[in-house]
């Protein structure tokens, strides 16, 4: 876990909804996951103003699931930069994501983003949803 990057602060004045030192700095993105996000951004020609949205949504066998996609920020989002990736998180999702490490893994059963969330009490058998 020592190779995990955290939100970085900037010497430039942050917009009002950007808390570079706030609770979202507790969401971590590994260098491998950050590289994969940037690779996807480049391959799909995602515009620079779009940010990676981290979201927790209701559903799945265990109650909640993670959602990752590129999106524009809204005035109610928390915005930060984590490991060189501009990230937006809504307030509701943030309370479930504090302390979460996002990694990108490749293995025999496929590849994808893996969420290591200390708030999770149980997961479903397929591993795509969780409960708190």
C-alpha atoms as a PDB file:
ATOM      1  CA  UNK A   1       0.000   0.000   0.000  1.00  0.00           C
ATOM      2  CA  UNK A   2       3.025   2.261   0.067  1.00  0.00           C
ATOM      3  CA  UNK A   3       2.907   2.723  -3.709  1.00  0.00           C
ATOM      4  CA  UNK A   4      -0.579   4.224  -3.563  1.00  0.00           C
ATOM      5  CA  UNK A   5      -0.898   7.862  -4.537  1.00  0.00           C
ATOM      6  CA  UNK A   6      -3.235  10.191  -2.672  1.00  0.00           C
ATOM      7  CA  UNK A   7      -4.897  13.413  -3.703  1.00  0.00           C
ATOM      8  CA  UNK A   8      -2.348  16.105  -4.295  1.00  0.00           C
ATOM      9  CA  UNK A   9      -2.708  19.735  -3.407  1.00  0.00           C
ATOM     10  CA  UNK A  10      -2.031  22.469  -5.876  1.00  0.00           C
ATOM     11  CA  UNK A  11      -0.547  25.941  -5.544  1.00  0.00           C
ATOM     12  CA  UNK A  12      -3.317  27.249  -7.832  1.00  0.00           C
ATOM     13  CA  UNK A  13      -6.499  28.409  -6.096  1.00  0.00           C
ATOM     14  CA  UNK A  14      -9.050  25.591  -6.133  1.00  0.00           C
ATOM     15  CA  UNK A  15     -12.656  26.094  -7.259  1.00  0.00           C
ATOM     16  CA  UNK A  16     -15.168  26.327  -4.368  1.00  0.00           C
ATOM     17  CA  UNK A  17     -16.288  22.684  -4.750  1.00  0.00           C
ATOM     18  CA  UNK A  18     -12.735  21.324  -4.937  1.00  0.00           C
ATOM     19  CA  UNK A  19     -11.543  20.211  -1.510  1.00  0.00           C
ATOM     20  CA  UNK A  20      -8.004  19.076  -2.236  1.00  0.00           C
ATOM     21  CA  UNK A  21      -7.477  18.285   1.447  1.00  0.00           C
ATOM     22  CA  UNK A  22     -11.018  17.103   2.241  1.00  0.00           C
ATOM     23  CA  UNK A  23     -12.421  13.640   2.902  1.00  0.00           C
ATOM     24  CA  UNK A  24     -12.128  12.607  -0.741  1.00  0.00           C
ATOM     25  CA  UNK A  25      -8.346  12.622  -0.296  1.00  0.00           C
ATOM     26  CA  UNK A  26      -8.961   9.345   1.524  1.00  0.00           C
ATOM     27  CA  UNK A  27      -9.940   7.727  -1.786  1.00  0.00           C
ATOM     28  CA  UNK A  28      -6.807   6.254  -3.317  1.00  0.00           C
ATOM     29  CA  UNK A  29      -5.971   5.297  -6.883  1.00  0.00           C
ATOM     30  CA  UNK A  30      -2.931   3.112  -7.465  1.00  0.00           C
ATOM     31  CA  UNK A  31      -0.466   4.141 -10.170  1.00  0.00           C
ATOM     32  CA  UNK A  32      -1.586   1.116 -12.257  1.00  0.00           C
ATOM     33  CA  UNK A  33      -5.239   2.159 -12.072  1.00  0.00           C
ATOM     34  CA  UNK A  34      -4.353   5.775 -12.894  1.00  0.00           C
ATOM     35  CA  UNK A  35      -2.357   4.618 -15.928  1.00  0.00           C
ATOM     36  CA  UNK A  36      -5.312   2.506 -17.114  1.00  0.00           C
ATOM     37  CA  UNK A  37      -7.742   5.419 -16.685  1.00  0.00           C
ATOM     38  CA  UNK A  38      -5.444   7.648 -18.745  1.00  0.00           C
ATOM     39  CA  UNK A  39      -5.021   4.898 -21.350  1.00  0.00           C
ATOM     40  CA  UNK A  40      -8.819   4.598 -21.693  1.00  0.00           C
ATOM     41  CA  UNK A  41      -9.168   8.396 -21.852  1.00  0.00           C
ATOM     42  CA  UNK A  42      -6.649   8.517 -24.697  1.00  0.00           C
ATOM     43  CA  UNK A  43      -7.987   5.485 -26.606  1.00  0.00           C
ATOM     44  CA  UNK A  44     -11.573   6.762 -26.505  1.00  0.00           C
ATOM     45  CA  UNK A  45     -10.605  10.418 -27.123  1.00  0.00           C
ATOM     46  CA  UNK A  46     -12.336  11.591 -23.938  1.00  0.00           C
ATOM     47  CA  UNK A  47     -12.250  15.389 -23.733  1.00  0.00           C
ATOM     48  CA  UNK A  48      -9.899  16.849 -21.093  1.00  0.00           C
ATOM     49  CA  UNK A  49     -12.688  18.633 -19.169  1.00  0.00           C
ATOM     50  CA  UNK A  50     -14.367  15.289 -18.439  1.00  0.00           C
ATOM     51  CA  UNK A  51     -13.511  13.721 -15.077  1.00  0.00           C
ATOM     52  CA  UNK A  52     -13.650  10.174 -13.786  1.00  0.00           C
ATOM     53  CA  UNK A  53     -16.861   9.831 -11.792  1.00  0.00           C
ATOM     54  CA  UNK A  54     -16.737   7.461  -8.820  1.00  0.00           C
ATOM     55  CA  UNK A  55     -20.198   6.494  -7.707  1.00  0.00           C
ATOM     56  CA  UNK A  56     -21.945   4.020  -5.450  1.00  0.00           C
ATOM     57  CA  UNK A  57     -25.354   2.946  -6.729  1.00  0.00           C
ATOM     58  CA  UNK A  58     -28.071   0.785  -5.232  1.00  0.00           C
ATOM     59  CA  UNK A  59     -28.480  -2.638  -6.739  1.00  0.00           C
ATOM     60  CA  UNK A  60     -26.759  -5.935  -7.164  1.00  0.00           C
ATOM     61  CA  UNK A  61     -27.187  -8.999  -4.982  1.00  0.00           C
ATOM     62  CA  UNK A  62     -25.633  -7.421  -1.882  1.00  0.00           C
ATOM     63  CA  UNK A  63     -27.216  -3.954  -2.029  1.00  0.00           C
ATOM     64  CA  UNK A  64     -24.661  -1.569  -3.576  1.00  0.00           C
ATOM     65  CA  UNK A  65     -22.309  -1.569  -6.540  1.00  0.00           C
ATOM     66  CA  UNK A  66     -19.567   0.696  -7.865  1.00  0.00           C
ATOM     67  CA  UNK A  67     -19.890   2.783 -10.993  1.00  0.00           C
ATOM     68  CA  UNK A  68     -16.966   4.361 -12.889  1.00  0.00           C
ATOM     69  CA  UNK A  69     -17.342   6.499 -15.982  1.00  0.00           C
ATOM     70  CA  UNK A  70     -16.225   9.792 -17.503  1.00  0.00           C
ATOM     71  CA  UNK A  71     -18.601  12.652 -16.778  1.00  0.00           C
ATOM     72  CA  UNK A  72     -18.809  16.410 -16.337  1.00  0.00           C
ATOM     73  CA  UNK A  73     -18.855  17.721 -12.804  1.00  0.00           C
ATOM     74  CA  UNK A  74     -21.892  19.396 -11.293  1.00  0.00           C
ATOM     75  CA  UNK A  75     -22.011  22.074  -8.630  1.00  0.00           C
ATOM     76  CA  UNK A  76     -22.833  19.510  -5.915  1.00  0.00           C
ATOM     77  CA  UNK A  77     -19.858  17.234  -6.699  1.00  0.00           C
ATOM     78  CA  UNK A  78     -16.587  17.053  -4.838  1.00  0.00           C
ATOM     79  CA  UNK A  79     -13.725  17.435  -7.294  1.00  0.00           C
ATOM     80  CA  UNK A  80     -10.130  16.398  -6.670  1.00  0.00           C
ATOM     81  CA  UNK A  81      -7.085  15.111  -8.476  1.00  0.00           C
ATOM     82  CA  UNK A  82      -5.867  11.711  -7.375  1.00  0.00           C
ATOM     83  CA  UNK A  83      -2.699  10.220  -8.881  1.00  0.00           C
ATOM     84  CA  UNK A  84      -2.986  12.584 -11.850  1.00  0.00           C
ATOM     85  CA  UNK A  85      -6.635  11.686 -12.515  1.00  0.00           C
ATOM     86  CA  UNK A  86      -9.348  14.343 -12.163  1.00  0.00           C
ATOM     87  CA  UNK A  87     -12.069  12.687 -10.066  1.00  0.00           C
ATOM     88  CA  UNK A  88     -15.638  13.736  -9.210  1.00  0.00           C
ATOM     89  CA  UNK A  89     -17.669  12.155  -6.418  1.00  0.00           C
ATOM     90  CA  UNK A  90     -21.160  13.039  -5.228  1.00  0.00           C
ATOM     91  CA  UNK A  91     -21.662  13.544  -1.472  1.00  0.00           C
ATOM     92  CA  UNK A  92     -23.771  10.389  -1.023  1.00  0.00           C
ATOM     93  CA  UNK A  93     -21.186   8.141  -2.692  1.00  0.00           C
ATOM     94  CA  UNK A  94     -18.323   9.785  -0.841  1.00  0.00           C
ATOM     95  CA  UNK A  95     -19.518   8.528   2.543  1.00  0.00           C
ATOM     96  CA  UNK A  96     -19.286   4.924   1.251  1.00  0.00           C
ATOM     97  CA  UNK A  97     -15.950   5.460  -0.524  1.00  0.00           C
ATOM     98  CA  UNK A  98     -13.761   7.047   2.194  1.00  0.00           C
ATOM     99  CA  UNK A  99     -10.684   4.877   2.632  1.00  0.00           C
ATOM    100  CA  UNK A 100     -11.230   2.972  -0.621  1.00  0.00           C
ATOM    101  CA  UNK A 101      -8.252   1.998  -2.772  1.00  0.00           C
ATOM    102  CA  UNK A 102      -8.949   1.562  -6.487  1.00  0.00           C
ATOM    103  CA  UNK A 103      -6.565  -0.696  -8.361  1.00  0.00           C
ATOM    104  CA  UNK A 104      -6.458  -2.194 -11.845  1.00  0.00           C
ATOM    105  CA  UNK A 105      -5.754  -5.919 -11.940  1.00  0.00           C
ATOM    106  CA  UNK A 106      -5.180  -8.404 -14.739  1.00  0.00           C
ATOM    107  CA  UNK A 107      -5.414 -12.131 -14.201  1.00  0.00           C
ATOM    108  CA  UNK A 108      -6.642 -15.444 -15.554  1.00  0.00           C
ATOM    109  CA  UNK A 109     -10.263 -14.504 -14.874  1.00  0.00           C
ATOM    110  CA  UNK A 110     -10.008 -11.215 -16.763  1.00  0.00           C
ATOM    111  CA  UNK A 111      -9.027  -7.653 -16.052  1.00  0.00           C
ATOM    112  CA  UNK A 112     -10.747  -4.743 -14.378  1.00  0.00           C
ATOM    113  CA  UNK A 113     -10.814  -2.185 -11.629  1.00  0.00           C
ATOM    114  CA  UNK A 114     -10.774  -3.593  -8.118  1.00  0.00           C
ATOM    115  CA  UNK A 115     -12.137  -1.676  -5.140  1.00  0.00           C
ATOM    116  CA  UNK A 116     -10.557  -2.372  -1.758  1.00  0.00           C
ATOM    117  CA  UNK A 117     -13.094  -0.700   0.521  1.00  0.00           C
ATOM    118  CA  UNK A 118     -12.639  -0.963   4.316  1.00  0.00           C
ATOM    119  CA  UNK A 119     -16.307   0.041   4.844  1.00  0.00           C
ATOM    120  CA  UNK A 120     -17.652  -3.132   3.194  1.00  0.00           C
ATOM    121  CA  UNK A 121     -19.209  -5.677   5.549  1.00  0.00           C
ATOM    122  CA  UNK A 122     -20.001  -8.333   2.906  1.00  0.00           C
ATOM    123  CA  UNK A 123     -19.907  -8.934  -0.835  1.00  0.00           C
ATOM    124  CA  UNK A 124     -21.955 -11.079  -3.161  1.00  0.00           C
ATOM    125  CA  UNK A 125     -20.681 -14.358  -4.603  1.00  0.00           C
ATOM    126  CA  UNK A 126     -19.847 -12.815  -7.976  1.00  0.00           C
ATOM    127  CA  UNK A 127     -17.944  -9.955  -6.333  1.00  0.00           C
ATOM    128  CA  UNK A 128     -19.746  -7.162  -8.201  1.00  0.00           C
ATOM    129  CA  UNK A 129     -21.789  -5.774  -5.304  1.00  0.00           C
ATOM    130  CA  UNK A 130     -21.388  -5.137  -1.584  1.00  0.00           C
ATOM    131  CA  UNK A 131     -23.148  -4.127   1.625  1.00  0.00           C
ATOM    132  CA  UNK A 132     -22.067  -1.810   4.432  1.00  0.00           C
END
